[in-house]
């Protein structure tokens, strides 16, 4: 307690640094939880891309166009 009374400015700076550290840690955890990159979060269910839209019209592989050949002159 005597150290706090003798050095109040250092104590205030240490308190501010502690609060800032907790705020940075909380914000980092928030961002990591939004991206789903925390170890205890489950992976999202993946949609199989090749089969998701295979039966819909307009998603077929286009037929290649014939290439032009040069005629001899």
N, C-alpha and C. Protein backbone atom coordinates (compact mmCIF):
# COMPACT_ATOMS: atom_id res chain seq x y z
N UNK A 1 0.82 -1.19 0.00
CA UNK A 1 0.00 0.00 0.00
C UNK A 1 0.87 1.25 0.00
N UNK A 2 2.04 1.18 0.63
CA UNK A 2 2.92 2.34 0.66
C UNK A 2 3.45 2.67 -0.73
N UNK A 3 3.67 1.66 -1.57
CA UNK A 3 4.16 1.94 -2.92
C UNK A 3 3.12 2.71 -3.73
N UNK A 4 1.85 2.37 -3.52
CA UNK A 4 0.78 3.06 -4.24
C UNK A 4 0.69 4.51 -3.76
N UNK A 5 0.85 4.75 -2.48
CA UNK A 5 0.79 6.12 -1.95
C UNK A 5 2.00 6.93 -2.37
N UNK A 6 3.15 6.29 -2.48
CA UNK A 6 4.37 7.03 -2.84
C UNK A 6 4.43 7.32 -4.34
N UNK A 7 3.83 6.47 -5.16
CA UNK A 7 3.89 6.64 -6.62
C UNK A 7 2.48 6.57 -7.22
N UNK A 8 1.67 7.58 -7.00
CA UNK A 8 0.29 7.51 -7.52
C UNK A 8 0.23 7.58 -9.05
N UNK A 9 1.16 8.30 -9.67
CA UNK A 9 1.13 8.43 -11.13
C UNK A 9 1.45 7.08 -11.78
N UNK A 10 2.42 6.38 -11.23
CA UNK A 10 2.76 5.06 -11.77
C UNK A 10 1.59 4.09 -11.58
N UNK A 11 0.92 4.18 -10.47
CA UNK A 11 -0.23 3.31 -10.22
C UNK A 11 -1.37 3.60 -11.20
N UNK A 12 -1.61 4.87 -11.47
CA UNK A 12 -2.65 5.23 -12.43
C UNK A 12 -2.28 4.76 -13.83
N UNK A 13 -1.02 4.92 -14.21
CA UNK A 13 -0.58 4.46 -15.53
C UNK A 13 -0.67 2.93 -15.64
N UNK A 14 -0.33 2.23 -14.59
CA UNK A 14 -0.44 0.77 -14.59
C UNK A 14 -1.92 0.35 -14.69
N UNK A 15 -2.80 1.06 -14.04
CA UNK A 15 -4.23 0.76 -14.13
C UNK A 15 -4.77 1.00 -15.53
N UNK A 16 -4.37 2.11 -16.13
CA UNK A 16 -4.81 2.42 -17.50
C UNK A 16 -4.27 1.37 -18.47
N UNK A 17 -3.00 0.97 -18.30
CA UNK A 17 -2.42 -0.06 -19.17
C UNK A 17 -3.15 -1.39 -18.99
N UNK A 18 -3.54 -1.71 -17.77
CA UNK A 18 -4.28 -2.95 -17.52
C UNK A 18 -5.64 -2.94 -18.18
N UNK A 19 -6.35 -1.81 -18.08
CA UNK A 19 -7.66 -1.69 -18.72
C UNK A 19 -7.53 -1.75 -20.24
N UNK A 20 -6.50 -1.11 -20.79
CA UNK A 20 -6.27 -1.14 -22.24
C UNK A 20 -5.96 -2.57 -22.70
N UNK A 21 -5.18 -3.29 -21.92
CA UNK A 21 -4.84 -4.67 -22.27
C UNK A 21 -6.09 -5.55 -22.28
N UNK A 22 -6.94 -5.38 -21.30
CA UNK A 22 -8.18 -6.16 -21.24
C UNK A 22 -9.10 -5.79 -22.42
N UNK A 23 -9.15 -4.51 -22.78
CA UNK A 23 -9.99 -4.08 -23.91
C UNK A 23 -9.47 -4.66 -25.22
N UNK A 24 -8.16 -4.66 -25.42
CA UNK A 24 -7.58 -5.22 -26.64
C UNK A 24 -7.83 -6.72 -26.71
N UNK A 25 -7.69 -7.41 -25.60
CA UNK A 25 -7.95 -8.84 -25.56
C UNK A 25 -9.42 -9.15 -25.85
N UNK A 26 -10.33 -8.38 -25.29
CA UNK A 26 -11.75 -8.60 -25.53
C UNK A 26 -12.11 -8.35 -27.00
N UNK A 27 -11.55 -7.30 -27.59
CA UNK A 27 -11.83 -6.99 -28.99
C UNK A 27 -11.25 -8.07 -29.90
N UNK A 28 -10.07 -8.58 -29.57
CA UNK A 28 -9.46 -9.65 -30.36
C UNK A 28 -10.30 -10.92 -30.30
N UNK A 29 -10.80 -11.25 -29.13
CA UNK A 29 -11.66 -12.42 -29.01
C UNK A 29 -12.97 -12.23 -29.77
N UNK A 30 -13.50 -11.03 -29.78
CA UNK A 30 -14.72 -10.75 -30.53
C UNK A 30 -14.48 -10.96 -32.03
N UNK A 31 -13.38 -10.41 -32.55
CA UNK A 31 -13.10 -10.56 -33.98
C UNK A 31 -12.85 -12.02 -34.34
N UNK A 32 -12.13 -12.74 -33.49
CA UNK A 32 -11.87 -14.16 -33.76
C UNK A 32 -13.16 -14.98 -33.71
N UNK A 33 -14.08 -14.62 -32.83
CA UNK A 33 -15.33 -15.36 -32.77
C UNK A 33 -16.21 -15.08 -33.98
N UNK A 34 -16.14 -13.89 -34.53
CA UNK A 34 -16.92 -13.56 -35.72
C UNK A 34 -16.44 -14.33 -36.95
N UNK A 35 -15.14 -14.60 -37.04
CA UNK A 35 -14.61 -15.34 -38.19
C UNK A 35 -14.67 -16.84 -37.98
N UNK A 36 -15.05 -17.29 -36.78
CA UNK A 36 -15.15 -18.71 -36.52
C UNK A 36 -13.81 -19.39 -36.35
N UNK A 37 -12.80 -18.67 -35.92
CA UNK A 37 -11.45 -19.24 -35.83
C UNK A 37 -11.03 -19.58 -34.41
N UNK A 38 -11.97 -19.64 -33.49
CA UNK A 38 -11.61 -20.04 -32.13
C UNK A 38 -11.63 -21.56 -32.03
N UNK A 39 -10.75 -22.14 -31.20
CA UNK A 39 -10.63 -23.60 -31.18
C UNK A 39 -11.89 -24.33 -30.73
N UNK A 40 -12.74 -23.72 -29.94
CA UNK A 40 -13.92 -24.41 -29.44
C UNK A 40 -15.14 -24.23 -30.33
N UNK A 41 -15.02 -23.49 -31.42
CA UNK A 41 -16.14 -23.31 -32.34
C UNK A 41 -16.17 -24.45 -33.35
N UNK A 42 -17.38 -24.88 -33.69
CA UNK A 42 -17.53 -25.94 -34.69
C UNK A 42 -17.34 -25.37 -36.08
N UNK A 43 -16.85 -26.22 -36.98
CA UNK A 43 -16.71 -25.81 -38.37
C UNK A 43 -18.09 -25.76 -39.01
N UNK A 44 -18.33 -24.78 -39.89
CA UNK A 44 -19.64 -24.71 -40.54
C UNK A 44 -19.83 -25.88 -41.50
N UNK A 45 -21.07 -26.25 -41.74
CA UNK A 45 -21.38 -27.32 -42.68
C UNK A 45 -21.11 -26.82 -44.09
N UNK A 46 -20.34 -27.57 -44.81
CA UNK A 46 -19.98 -27.16 -46.17
C UNK A 46 -21.02 -27.67 -47.16
N UNK A 47 -21.32 -26.85 -48.16
CA UNK A 47 -22.23 -27.25 -49.23
C UNK A 47 -21.36 -27.81 -50.35
N UNK A 48 -21.62 -29.01 -50.81
CA UNK A 48 -20.81 -29.54 -51.91
C UNK A 48 -21.09 -28.73 -53.18
N UNK A 49 -20.12 -27.97 -53.62
CA UNK A 49 -20.31 -27.03 -54.72
C UNK A 49 -20.63 -27.71 -56.04
N UNK A 50 -19.96 -28.78 -56.44
CA UNK A 50 -20.30 -29.35 -57.76
C UNK A 50 -21.72 -29.90 -57.83
N UNK A 51 -22.28 -30.36 -56.73
CA UNK A 51 -23.61 -30.94 -56.80
C UNK A 51 -24.71 -29.98 -56.37
N UNK A 52 -24.38 -28.81 -55.86
CA UNK A 52 -25.40 -27.91 -55.35
C UNK A 52 -26.30 -27.37 -56.46
N UNK A 53 -25.75 -27.03 -57.61
CA UNK A 53 -26.53 -26.42 -58.67
C UNK A 53 -26.50 -27.27 -59.95
N UNK A 54 -26.25 -28.55 -59.84
CA UNK A 54 -26.07 -29.36 -61.04
C UNK A 54 -27.37 -29.63 -61.78
N UNK A 55 -28.51 -29.62 -61.10
CA UNK A 55 -29.77 -29.94 -61.76
C UNK A 55 -30.51 -28.70 -62.27
N UNK A 56 -30.00 -27.53 -62.07
CA UNK A 56 -30.67 -26.31 -62.51
C UNK A 56 -30.28 -25.97 -63.93
N UNK A 57 -31.23 -25.40 -64.67
CA UNK A 57 -30.92 -24.95 -66.03
C UNK A 57 -30.00 -23.75 -65.97
N UNK A 58 -29.11 -23.66 -66.91
CA UNK A 58 -28.20 -22.53 -66.98
C UNK A 58 -26.86 -22.79 -66.31
N UNK A 59 -26.71 -23.93 -65.67
CA UNK A 59 -25.45 -24.26 -65.01
C UNK A 59 -24.74 -25.41 -65.70
N UNK A 60 -25.03 -25.63 -66.97
CA UNK A 60 -24.36 -26.69 -67.71
C UNK A 60 -23.06 -26.18 -68.28
N UNK A 61 -22.17 -27.09 -68.59
CA UNK A 61 -20.89 -26.71 -69.17
C UNK A 61 -21.16 -26.27 -70.61
N UNK A 62 -20.68 -25.10 -71.00
CA UNK A 62 -20.95 -24.64 -72.36
C UNK A 62 -20.18 -25.47 -73.39
N UNK A 63 -20.79 -25.61 -74.57
CA UNK A 63 -20.11 -26.35 -75.64
C UNK A 63 -19.09 -25.42 -76.28
N UNK A 64 -17.93 -25.94 -76.60
CA UNK A 64 -16.89 -25.08 -77.19
C UNK A 64 -17.28 -24.67 -78.61
N UNK A 65 -16.93 -23.46 -78.99
CA UNK A 65 -17.19 -22.96 -80.33
C UNK A 65 -16.12 -23.47 -81.28
N UNK A 66 -16.51 -23.76 -82.51
CA UNK A 66 -15.48 -24.23 -83.46
C UNK A 66 -14.52 -23.09 -83.77
N UNK A 67 -13.27 -23.44 -83.92
CA UNK A 67 -12.25 -22.42 -84.23
C UNK A 67 -12.20 -22.18 -85.72
N UNK A 68 -11.88 -20.99 -86.07
CA UNK A 68 -11.78 -20.63 -87.49
C UNK A 68 -10.47 -21.15 -88.06
N UNK A 69 -10.53 -21.69 -89.27
CA UNK A 69 -9.31 -22.17 -89.93
C UNK A 69 -8.99 -21.24 -91.08
N UNK A 70 -7.73 -21.03 -91.29
CA UNK A 70 -7.31 -20.16 -92.38
C UNK A 70 -7.42 -20.90 -93.70
N UNK A 71 -7.96 -20.24 -94.73
CA UNK A 71 -8.08 -20.85 -96.06
C UNK A 71 -6.85 -20.49 -96.87
N UNK A 72 -6.32 -21.44 -97.60
CA UNK A 72 -5.12 -21.11 -98.43
C UNK A 72 -5.53 -20.21 -99.60
N UNK A 73 -4.67 -19.26 -99.91
CA UNK A 73 -5.00 -18.35 -101.00
C UNK A 73 -4.16 -18.56 -102.22
